[in-house]
Amino acid sequence: MRTRVFSLIPLLLVFAAFAHADDWNKTYEVSGTPELRLVTSDANVRVVAGTSNKIEAHLTTSNYKVGSGGISVFEHQTGNAVTIELRYPHNNWNIVWNGNHRVEIDVTVPANTKLELKGSDGRVSITDVKGPIIARTSDGSLDIEGADGSLEARTSDGKMRVTGRFDRLDLQSSDGGITATALPGSKVASSWSLHASDGRVELRIPENLNANVSLHTSDGHIDVDVPLAVSGRLGTHDIQGKLNGGGELLDIHTSDGSIHVGRS
């Protein structure tokens, strides 16, 4: 009987590592143009712009502890550059009787922060960050609001919704639709690209945007509700033309879905 009791101890220790609610907080003093690199696995991520010269990170977990045997946080600061990486335990078992796992990280940054975010599984939300943004997630929705300048975003499986004033826009979705709204003041300073492998692409633009436009869908229809001077191809699945005399390339492509271009 004693042997059986002791044989359960390793399992109980593993269970204890998961059956835990915990949190972690860290504040970084920054100045000038801060940089944040944030890497997560299975976590919901929210990044918002604040009003102070600080990067403030708050991690909360349910049925995980933070530290040895649970979620590991690797972080460091070099000058105004901050890196935060979350790693899951190697024995990340899917324990049926304790399956309500949750990991969320909320980060407040100065508005002009240069942001690079990489997530594997979970929702990503970025609000009012005005610095250049690079955001990638493998499985989860991506919602970016109030951006300004350059945005590069990728999602393998999930919907993407972005709003902001853009100079450069590069959006790619493997399985999920793209909805993008370019606010007044946006310009195609360098090529814009919106590509979806499986999903609808909708782009809303200001009336004075200049661009050479290329639209293509393999399986879907194209609706254009802006004045477009057609040049070259005009068909059911392909349209090429110029907005307001033309300019840099605005390329929208979807393999399985429709395309809509309208006013913001």
C-alpha atoms as a PDB file:
ATOM      1  CA  MET A   1       0.000   0.000   0.000  1.00  0.00           C
ATOM      2  CA  ARG A   2       2.825   2.401   0.866  1.00  0.00           C
ATOM      3  CA  THR A   3       4.407   1.767  -2.550  1.00  0.00           C
ATOM      4  CA  ARG A   4       1.189   2.806  -4.261  1.00  0.00           C
ATOM      5  CA  VAL A   5       0.990   6.032  -2.268  1.00  0.00           C
ATOM      6  CA  PHE A   6       4.540   7.048  -3.133  1.00  0.00           C
ATOM      7  CA  SER A   7       3.991   6.187  -6.809  1.00  0.00           C
ATOM      8  CA  LEU A   8       1.295   8.853  -6.927  1.00  0.00           C
ATOM      9  CA  ILE A   9       3.574  11.616  -5.682  1.00  0.00           C
ATOM     10  CA  PRO A  10       5.102  12.547  -9.103  1.00  0.00           C
ATOM     11  CA  LEU A  11       1.638  12.730 -10.647  1.00  0.00           C
ATOM     12  CA  LEU A  12       0.354  14.862  -7.792  1.00  0.00           C
ATOM     13  CA  LEU A  13       3.298  17.212  -8.144  1.00  0.00           C
ATOM     14  CA  VAL A  14       2.581  17.634 -11.871  1.00  0.00           C
ATOM     15  CA  PHE A  15      -1.101  18.185 -11.119  1.00  0.00           C
ATOM     16  CA  ALA A  16      -0.220  20.825  -8.518  1.00  0.00           C
ATOM     17  CA  ALA A  17       1.858  22.719 -11.084  1.00  0.00           C
ATOM     18  CA  PHE A  18      -1.211  23.051 -13.303  1.00  0.00           C
ATOM     19  CA  ALA A  19      -3.977  23.423 -10.692  1.00  0.00           C
ATOM     20  CA  HIS A  20      -2.881  26.933  -9.842  1.00  0.00           C
ATOM     21  CA  ALA A  21      -3.833  30.521 -10.502  1.00  0.00           C
ATOM     22  CA  ASP A  22      -0.964  32.955 -10.554  1.00  0.00           C
ATOM     23  CA  ASP A  23       0.228  36.294 -11.886  1.00  0.00           C
ATOM     24  CA  TRP A  24       3.428  38.148 -12.753  1.00  0.00           C
ATOM     25  CA  ASN A  25       4.103  41.864 -13.148  1.00  0.00           C
ATOM     26  CA  LYS A  26       7.061  43.879 -14.379  1.00  0.00           C
ATOM     27  CA  THR A  27       7.604  47.567 -15.198  1.00  0.00           C
ATOM     28  CA  TYR A  28      10.369  48.851 -17.478  1.00  0.00           C
ATOM     29  CA  GLU A  29      11.406  52.497 -17.598  1.00  0.00           C
ATOM     30  CA  VAL A  30      12.039  53.625 -21.199  1.00  0.00           C
ATOM     31  CA  SER A  31      12.530  56.837 -23.167  1.00  0.00           C
ATOM     32  CA  GLY A  32      12.873  58.000 -26.767  1.00  0.00           C
ATOM     33  CA  THR A  33      11.533  55.366 -29.135  1.00  0.00           C
ATOM     34  CA  PRO A  34      10.990  52.169 -27.134  1.00  0.00           C
ATOM     35  CA  GLU A  35      11.069  48.695 -28.649  1.00  0.00           C
ATOM     36  CA  LEU A  36       9.115  45.690 -27.424  1.00  0.00           C
ATOM     37  CA  ARG A  37       9.507  42.106 -28.612  1.00  0.00           C
ATOM     38  CA  LEU A  38       6.785  39.874 -27.179  1.00  0.00           C
ATOM     39  CA  VAL A  39       6.743  36.103 -27.803  1.00  0.00           C
ATOM     40  CA  THR A  40       3.991  33.819 -26.489  1.00  0.00           C
ATOM     41  CA  SER A  41       2.682  30.304 -27.055  1.00  0.00           C
ATOM     42  CA  ASP A  42      -0.919  29.582 -26.033  1.00  0.00           C
ATOM     43  CA  ALA A  43      -2.004  32.929 -24.623  1.00  0.00           C
ATOM     44  CA  ASN A  44      -4.389  35.791 -25.216  1.00  0.00           C
ATOM     45  CA  VAL A  45      -2.444  39.018 -25.740  1.00  0.00           C
ATOM     46  CA  ARG A  46      -3.547  42.615 -25.311  1.00  0.00           C
ATOM     47  CA  VAL A  47      -1.202  45.538 -26.014  1.00  0.00           C
ATOM     48  CA  VAL A  48      -2.468  49.082 -25.467  1.00  0.00           C
ATOM     49  CA  ALA A  49      -0.843  52.497 -25.637  1.00  0.00           C
ATOM     50  CA  GLY A  50      -0.501  54.381 -22.367  1.00  0.00           C
ATOM     51  CA  THR A  51       0.570  57.902 -21.451  1.00  0.00           C
ATOM     52  CA  SER A  52       3.777  57.277 -19.462  1.00  0.00           C
ATOM     53  CA  ASN A  53       7.354  56.409 -20.425  1.00  0.00           C
ATOM     54  CA  LYS A  54       6.955  52.879 -19.154  1.00  0.00           C
ATOM     55  CA  ILE A  55       6.321  49.405 -20.487  1.00  0.00           C
ATOM     56  CA  GLU A  56       4.124  47.607 -17.972  1.00  0.00           C
ATOM     57  CA  ALA A  57       3.447  43.868 -18.330  1.00  0.00           C
ATOM     58  CA  HIS A  58       0.854  41.907 -16.377  1.00  0.00           C
ATOM     59  CA  LEU A  59       0.562  38.128 -16.799  1.00  0.00           C
ATOM     60  CA  THR A  60      -2.349  36.153 -15.329  1.00  0.00           C
ATOM     61  CA  THR A  61      -2.876  32.389 -15.437  1.00  0.00           C
ATOM     62  CA  SER A  62      -5.540  29.879 -14.516  1.00  0.00           C
ATOM     63  CA  ASN A  63      -4.531  26.258 -13.814  1.00  0.00           C
ATOM     64  CA  TYR A  64      -0.912  27.185 -14.413  1.00  0.00           C
ATOM     65  CA  LYS A  65       1.549  28.622 -11.968  1.00  0.00           C
ATOM     66  CA  VAL A  66       4.262  31.066 -12.985  1.00  0.00           C
ATOM     67  CA  GLY A  67       7.740  29.716 -12.375  1.00  0.00           C
ATOM     68  CA  SER A  68       9.352  26.307 -12.097  1.00  0.00           C
ATOM     69  CA  GLY A  69       7.069  23.587 -13.444  1.00  0.00           C
ATOM     70  CA  GLY A  70       4.644  26.134 -14.887  1.00  0.00           C
ATOM     71  CA  ILE A  71       4.807  29.144 -17.205  1.00  0.00           C
ATOM     72  CA  SER A  72       8.354  30.465 -17.506  1.00  0.00           C
ATOM     73  CA  VAL A  73       8.927  34.155 -18.209  1.00  0.00           C
ATOM     74  CA  PHE A  74      12.184  35.104 -19.903  1.00  0.00           C
ATOM     75  CA  GLU A  75      12.672  38.849 -20.002  1.00  0.00           C
ATOM     76  CA  HIS A  76      15.419  41.386 -20.318  1.00  0.00           C
ATOM     77  CA  GLN A  77      15.965  45.055 -21.103  1.00  0.00           C
ATOM     78  CA  THR A  78      18.788  46.650 -23.051  1.00  0.00           C
ATOM     79  CA  GLY A  79      18.418  50.405 -23.084  1.00  0.00           C
ATOM     80  CA  ASN A  80      14.981  51.116 -24.527  1.00  0.00           C
ATOM     81  CA  ALA A  81      14.587  47.609 -25.997  1.00  0.00           C
ATOM     82  CA  VAL A  82      12.541  45.111 -23.959  1.00  0.00           C
ATOM     83  CA  THR A  83      12.010  41.413 -24.683  1.00  0.00           C
ATOM     84  CA  ILE A  84       9.375  39.269 -22.943  1.00  0.00           C
ATOM     85  CA  GLU A  85       8.977  35.585 -23.827  1.00  0.00           C
ATOM     86  CA  LEU A  86       6.516  33.123 -22.295  1.00  0.00           C
ATOM     87  CA  ARG A  87       7.300  29.418 -22.372  1.00  0.00           C
ATOM     88  CA  TYR A  88       5.083  26.516 -21.385  1.00  0.00           C
ATOM     89  CA  PRO A  89       6.262  23.553 -19.305  1.00  0.00           C
ATOM     90  CA  HIS A  90       7.559  20.542 -21.236  1.00  0.00           C
ATOM     91  CA  ASN A  91       5.012  18.307 -19.491  1.00  0.00           C
ATOM     92  CA  ASN A  92       2.108  20.344 -20.859  1.00  0.00           C
ATOM     93  CA  TRP A  93      -0.417  17.513 -20.599  1.00  0.00           C
ATOM     94  CA  ASN A  94      -4.023  17.953 -21.560  1.00  0.00           C
ATOM     95  CA  ILE A  95      -5.449  16.866 -18.194  1.00  0.00           C
ATOM     96  CA  VAL A  96      -9.141  16.267 -18.794  1.00  0.00           C
ATOM     97  CA  TRP A  97     -10.284  16.877 -15.204  1.00  0.00           C
ATOM     98  CA  ASN A  98      -8.390  20.152 -15.082  1.00  0.00           C
ATOM     99  CA  GLY A  99      -8.823  21.446 -18.596  1.00  0.00           C
ATOM    100  CA  ASN A 100      -9.825  25.061 -17.925  1.00  0.00           C
ATOM    101  CA  HIS A 101      -6.398  26.483 -18.704  1.00  0.00           C
ATOM    102  CA  ARG A 102      -5.988  30.205 -19.375  1.00  0.00           C
ATOM    103  CA  VAL A 103      -2.991  32.442 -19.906  1.00  0.00           C
ATOM    104  CA  GLU A 104      -3.390  36.156 -20.588  1.00  0.00           C
ATOM    105  CA  ILE A 105      -0.821  38.915 -20.858  1.00  0.00           C
ATOM    106  CA  ASP A 106      -1.681  42.614 -20.860  1.00  0.00           C
ATOM    107  CA  VAL A 107       1.020  45.108 -21.792  1.00  0.00           C
ATOM    108  CA  THR A 108       0.834  48.905 -21.688  1.00  0.00           C
ATOM    109  CA  VAL A 109       3.427  50.710 -23.815  1.00  0.00           C
ATOM    110  CA  PRO A 110       4.242  54.285 -24.881  1.00  0.00           C
ATOM    111  CA  ALA A 111       2.284  55.112 -28.030  1.00  0.00           C
ATOM    112  CA  ASN A 112       5.395  55.401 -30.241  1.00  0.00           C
ATOM    113  CA  THR A 113       6.696  51.925 -29.354  1.00  0.00           C
ATOM    114  CA  LYS A 114       8.176  49.785 -32.114  1.00  0.00           C
ATOM    115  CA  LEU A 115       6.314  46.520 -31.574  1.00  0.00           C
ATOM    116  CA  GLU A 116       7.147  42.971 -32.674  1.00  0.00           C
ATOM    117  CA  LEU A 117       4.693  40.338 -31.492  1.00  0.00           C
ATOM    118  CA  LYS A 118       4.689  36.610 -32.136  1.00  0.00           C
ATOM    119  CA  GLY A 119       1.980  34.281 -30.830  1.00  0.00           C
ATOM    120  CA  SER A 120       1.197  30.628 -31.486  1.00  0.00           C
ATOM    121  CA  ASP A 121      -2.374  30.154 -30.246  1.00  0.00           C
ATOM    122  CA  GLY A 122      -4.639  32.822 -28.810  1.00  0.00           C
ATOM    123  CA  ARG A 123      -6.360  36.096 -29.537  1.00  0.00           C
ATOM    124  CA  VAL A 124      -4.184  39.144 -30.194  1.00  0.00           C
ATOM    125  CA  SER A 125      -5.400  42.707 -29.664  1.00  0.00           C
ATOM    126  CA  ILE A 126      -3.303  45.856 -30.244  1.00  0.00           C
ATOM    127  CA  THR A 127      -4.797  49.290 -29.572  1.00  0.00           C
ATOM    128  CA  ASP A 128      -3.489  52.800 -30.365  1.00  0.00           C
ATOM    129  CA  VAL A 129       0.163  51.813 -30.854  1.00  0.00           C
ATOM    130  CA  LYS A 130       1.578  54.381 -33.305  1.00  0.00           C
ATOM    131  CA  GLY A 131       5.019  52.897 -33.920  1.00  0.00           C
ATOM    132  CA  PRO A 132       5.738  50.339 -36.631  1.00  0.00           C
ATOM    133  CA  ILE A 133       4.044  47.016 -35.871  1.00  0.00           C
ATOM    134  CA  ILE A 134       4.944  43.465 -36.845  1.00  0.00           C
ATOM    135  CA  ALA A 135       2.419  40.932 -35.545  1.00  0.00           C
ATOM    136  CA  ARG A 136       2.243  37.214 -36.259  1.00  0.00           C
ATOM    137  CA  THR A 137       0.011  34.500 -34.837  1.00  0.00           C
ATOM    138  CA  SER A 138      -0.365  30.865 -35.885  1.00  0.00           C
ATOM    139  CA  ASP A 139      -3.880  30.171 -34.587  1.00  0.00           C
ATOM    140  CA  GLY A 140      -6.051  32.998 -33.363  1.00  0.00           C
ATOM    141  CA  SER A 141      -7.783  36.214 -34.334  1.00  0.00           C
ATOM    142  CA  LEU A 142      -5.828  39.425 -34.810  1.00  0.00           C
ATOM    143  CA  ASP A 143      -7.435  42.783 -33.981  1.00  0.00           C
ATOM    144  CA  ILE A 144      -5.422  45.997 -34.446  1.00  0.00           C
ATOM    145  CA  GLU A 145      -7.000  49.404 -33.912  1.00  0.00           C
ATOM    146  CA  GLY A 146      -5.586  52.926 -34.010  1.00  0.00           C
ATOM    147  CA  ALA A 147      -2.343  52.003 -35.785  1.00  0.00           C
ATOM    148  CA  ASP A 148      -0.260  54.662 -37.521  1.00  0.00           C
ATOM    149  CA  GLY A 149       2.408  54.180 -40.180  1.00  0.00           C
ATOM    150  CA  SER A 150       3.715  50.711 -41.016  1.00  0.00           C
ATOM    151  CA  LEU A 151       1.840  47.493 -40.262  1.00  0.00           C
ATOM    152  CA  GLU A 152       2.851  43.934 -41.123  1.00  0.00           C
ATOM    153  CA  ALA A 153       0.505  41.226 -39.854  1.00  0.00           C
ATOM    154  CA  ARG A 154       0.254  37.465 -40.404  1.00  0.00           C
ATOM    155  CA  THR A 155      -2.214  34.860 -39.181  1.00  0.00           C
ATOM    156  CA  SER A 156      -2.330  31.208 -40.200  1.00  0.00           C
ATOM    157  CA  ASP A 157      -5.803  30.425 -38.847  1.00  0.00           C
ATOM    158  CA  GLY A 158      -8.026  33.272 -37.723  1.00  0.00           C
ATOM    159  CA  LYS A 159      -9.779  36.448 -38.773  1.00  0.00           C
ATOM    160  CA  MET A 160      -7.902  39.724 -39.078  1.00  0.00           C
ATOM    161  CA  ARG A 161      -9.333  43.194 -38.496  1.00  0.00           C
ATOM    162  CA  VAL A 162      -7.157  46.321 -38.686  1.00  0.00           C
ATOM    163  CA  THR A 163      -7.893  50.043 -38.544  1.00  0.00           C
ATOM    164  CA  GLY A 164      -5.492  52.959 -38.740  1.00  0.00           C
ATOM    165  CA  ARG A 165      -3.636  55.533 -40.773  1.00  0.00           C
ATOM    166  CA  PHE A 166      -1.221  53.601 -42.929  1.00  0.00           C
ATOM    167  CA  ASP A 167       1.816  54.344 -45.087  1.00  0.00           C
ATOM    168  CA  ARG A 168       2.663  50.671 -45.540  1.00  0.00           C
ATOM    169  CA  LEU A 169       0.271  47.738 -45.172  1.00  0.00           C
ATOM    170  CA  ASP A 170       1.179  44.063 -45.495  1.00  0.00           C
ATOM    171  CA  LEU A 171      -1.550  41.650 -44.365  1.00  0.00           C
ATOM    172  CA  GLN A 172      -1.488  37.885 -44.919  1.00  0.00           C
ATOM    173  CA  SER A 173      -4.058  35.305 -43.785  1.00  0.00           C
ATOM    174  CA  SER A 174      -3.899  31.597 -44.587  1.00  0.00           C
ATOM    175  CA  ASP A 175      -7.349  30.654 -43.272  1.00  0.00           C
ATOM    176  CA  GLY A 176      -9.578  33.568 -42.367  1.00  0.00           C
ATOM    177  CA  GLY A 177     -10.911  36.810 -43.758  1.00  0.00           C
ATOM    178  CA  ILE A 178      -9.251  40.242 -43.698  1.00  0.00           C
ATOM    179  CA  THR A 179     -11.080  43.478 -42.920  1.00  0.00           C
ATOM    180  CA  ALA A 180      -8.940  46.626 -43.152  1.00  0.00           C
ATOM    181  CA  THR A 181      -9.906  50.283 -42.798  1.00  0.00           C
ATOM    182  CA  ALA A 182      -7.372  52.918 -43.884  1.00  0.00           C
ATOM    183  CA  LEU A 183      -8.269  56.219 -42.248  1.00  0.00           C
ATOM    184  CA  PRO A 184      -7.855  59.700 -43.799  1.00  0.00           C
ATOM    185  CA  GLY A 185      -4.185  60.620 -44.129  1.00  0.00           C
ATOM    186  CA  SER A 186      -3.238  57.140 -45.298  1.00  0.00           C
ATOM    187  CA  LYS A 187      -1.006  56.880 -48.362  1.00  0.00           C
ATOM    188  CA  VAL A 188       0.561  54.062 -50.325  1.00  0.00           C
ATOM    189  CA  ALA A 189       4.122  55.224 -49.690  1.00  0.00           C
ATOM    190  CA  SER A 190       5.344  51.722 -50.528  1.00  0.00           C
ATOM    191  CA  SER A 191       3.374  48.765 -51.872  1.00  0.00           C
ATOM    192  CA  TRP A 192       0.321  47.558 -49.964  1.00  0.00           C
ATOM    193  CA  SER A 193      -0.442  43.838 -49.986  1.00  0.00           C
ATOM    194  CA  LEU A 194      -3.563  42.082 -48.666  1.00  0.00           C
ATOM    195  CA  HIS A 195      -3.517  38.336 -49.353  1.00  0.00           C
ATOM    196  CA  ALA A 196      -5.897  35.661 -48.067  1.00  0.00           C
ATOM    197  CA  SER A 197      -5.719  31.999 -48.997  1.00  0.00           C
ATOM    198  CA  ASP A 198      -9.222  31.213 -47.756  1.00  0.00           C
ATOM    199  CA  GLY A 199     -11.465  34.118 -46.852  1.00  0.00           C
ATOM    200  CA  ARG A 200     -13.038  37.402 -47.889  1.00  0.00           C
ATOM    201  CA  VAL A 201     -10.906  40.546 -48.154  1.00  0.00           C
ATOM    202  CA  GLU A 202     -12.503  43.919 -47.485  1.00  0.00           C
ATOM    203  CA  LEU A 203     -10.551  47.174 -47.725  1.00  0.00           C
ATOM    204  CA  ARG A 204     -11.948  50.626 -47.001  1.00  0.00           C
ATOM    205  CA  ILE A 205      -9.865  53.613 -48.128  1.00  0.00           C
ATOM    206  CA  PRO A 206     -10.032  57.436 -48.043  1.00  0.00           C
ATOM    207  CA  GLU A 207     -11.247  59.142 -51.200  1.00  0.00           C
ATOM    208  CA  ASN A 208      -7.902  60.779 -52.064  1.00  0.00           C
ATOM    209  CA  LEU A 209      -5.730  57.632 -51.940  1.00  0.00           C
ATOM    210  CA  ASN A 210      -3.379  57.291 -54.940  1.00  0.00           C
ATOM    211  CA  ALA A 211      -2.411  53.808 -56.110  1.00  0.00           C
ATOM    212  CA  ASN A 212      -2.092  51.371 -58.964  1.00  0.00           C
ATOM    213  CA  VAL A 213      -4.596  48.652 -58.094  1.00  0.00           C
ATOM    214  CA  SER A 214      -4.446  44.917 -58.800  1.00  0.00           C
ATOM    215  CA  LEU A 215      -7.344  42.740 -57.606  1.00  0.00           C
ATOM    216  CA  HIS A 216      -7.588  38.976 -58.071  1.00  0.00           C
ATOM    217  CA  THR A 217      -9.770  36.201 -56.712  1.00  0.00           C
ATOM    218  CA  SER A 218      -9.615  32.586 -57.829  1.00  0.00           C
ATOM    219  CA  ASP A 219     -13.066  31.704 -56.505  1.00  0.00           C
ATOM    220  CA  GLY A 220     -15.294  34.658 -55.636  1.00  0.00           C
ATOM    221  CA  HIS A 221     -16.457  38.025 -56.929  1.00  0.00           C
ATOM    222  CA  ILE A 222     -15.012  41.548 -56.857  1.00  0.00           C
ATOM    223  CA  ASP A 223     -16.931  44.679 -55.790  1.00  0.00           C
ATOM    224  CA  VAL A 224     -15.329  48.116 -56.221  1.00  0.00           C
ATOM    225  CA  ASP A 225     -17.242  51.084 -54.793  1.00  0.00           C
ATOM    226  CA  VAL A 226     -14.579  53.719 -55.533  1.00  0.00           C
ATOM    227  CA  PRO A 227     -13.775  55.524 -58.828  1.00  0.00           C
ATOM    228  CA  LEU A 228     -11.240  53.302 -60.556  1.00  0.00           C
ATOM    229  CA  ALA A 229      -9.755  54.056 -63.985  1.00  0.00           C
ATOM    230  CA  VAL A 230      -9.430  50.562 -65.425  1.00  0.00           C
ATOM    231  CA  SER A 231      -6.305  49.728 -67.392  1.00  0.00           C
ATOM    232  CA  GLY A 232      -5.455  46.285 -68.639  1.00  0.00           C
ATOM    233  CA  ARG A 233      -7.519  43.394 -67.325  1.00  0.00           C
ATOM    234  CA  LEU A 234     -11.170  43.737 -66.365  1.00  0.00           C
ATOM    235  CA  GLY A 235     -12.941  40.490 -65.692  1.00  0.00           C
ATOM    236  CA  THR A 236     -14.934  38.484 -63.203  1.00  0.00           C
ATOM    237  CA  HIS A 237     -11.864  37.479 -61.206  1.00  0.00           C
ATOM    238  CA  ASP A 238      -9.312  40.167 -62.156  1.00  0.00           C
ATOM    239  CA  ILE A 239      -9.293  43.954 -62.164  1.00  0.00           C
ATOM    240  CA  GLN A 240      -6.380  46.303 -62.748  1.00  0.00           C
ATOM    241  CA  GLY A 241      -6.631  50.066 -62.647  1.00  0.00           C
ATOM    242  CA  LYS A 242      -5.609  53.386 -61.120  1.00  0.00           C
ATOM    243  CA  LEU A 243      -6.925  55.301 -58.139  1.00  0.00           C
ATOM    244  CA  ASN A 244      -6.599  59.091 -58.443  1.00  0.00           C
ATOM    245  CA  GLY A 245      -4.022  58.898 -61.212  1.00  0.00           C
ATOM    246  CA  GLY A 246      -2.131  55.921 -59.819  1.00  0.00           C
ATOM    247  CA  GLY A 247       0.960  55.473 -57.697  1.00  0.00           C
ATOM    248  CA  GLU A 248       2.520  52.597 -55.788  1.00  0.00           C
ATOM    249  CA  LEU A 249       0.938  49.155 -56.038  1.00  0.00           C
ATOM    250  CA  LEU A 250      -2.088  48.175 -53.968  1.00  0.00           C
ATOM    251  CA  ASP A 251      -2.421  44.418 -54.423  1.00  0.00           C
ATOM    252  CA  ILE A 252      -5.368  42.386 -53.107  1.00  0.00           C
ATOM    253  CA  HIS A 253      -5.451  38.641 -53.703  1.00  0.00           C
ATOM    254  CA  THR A 254      -7.614  35.839 -52.375  1.00  0.00           C
ATOM    255  CA  SER A 255      -7.703  32.238 -53.491  1.00  0.00           C
ATOM    256  CA  ASP A 256     -11.143  31.371 -52.088  1.00  0.00           C
ATOM    257  CA  GLY A 257     -13.266  34.395 -51.240  1.00  0.00           C
ATOM    258  CA  SER A 258     -14.609  37.700 -52.484  1.00  0.00           C
ATOM    259  CA  ILE A 259     -13.013  41.158 -52.569  1.00  0.00           C
ATOM    260  CA  HIS A 260     -14.665  44.449 -51.670  1.00  0.00           C
ATOM    261  CA  VAL A 261     -13.043  47.884 -51.938  1.00  0.00           C
ATOM    262  CA  GLY A 262     -15.012  50.871 -50.604  1.00  0.00           C
ATOM    263  CA  ARG A 263     -14.753  54.202 -48.790  1.00  0.00           C
ATOM    264  CA  SER A 264     -13.564  54.515 -45.190  1.00  0.00           C
END
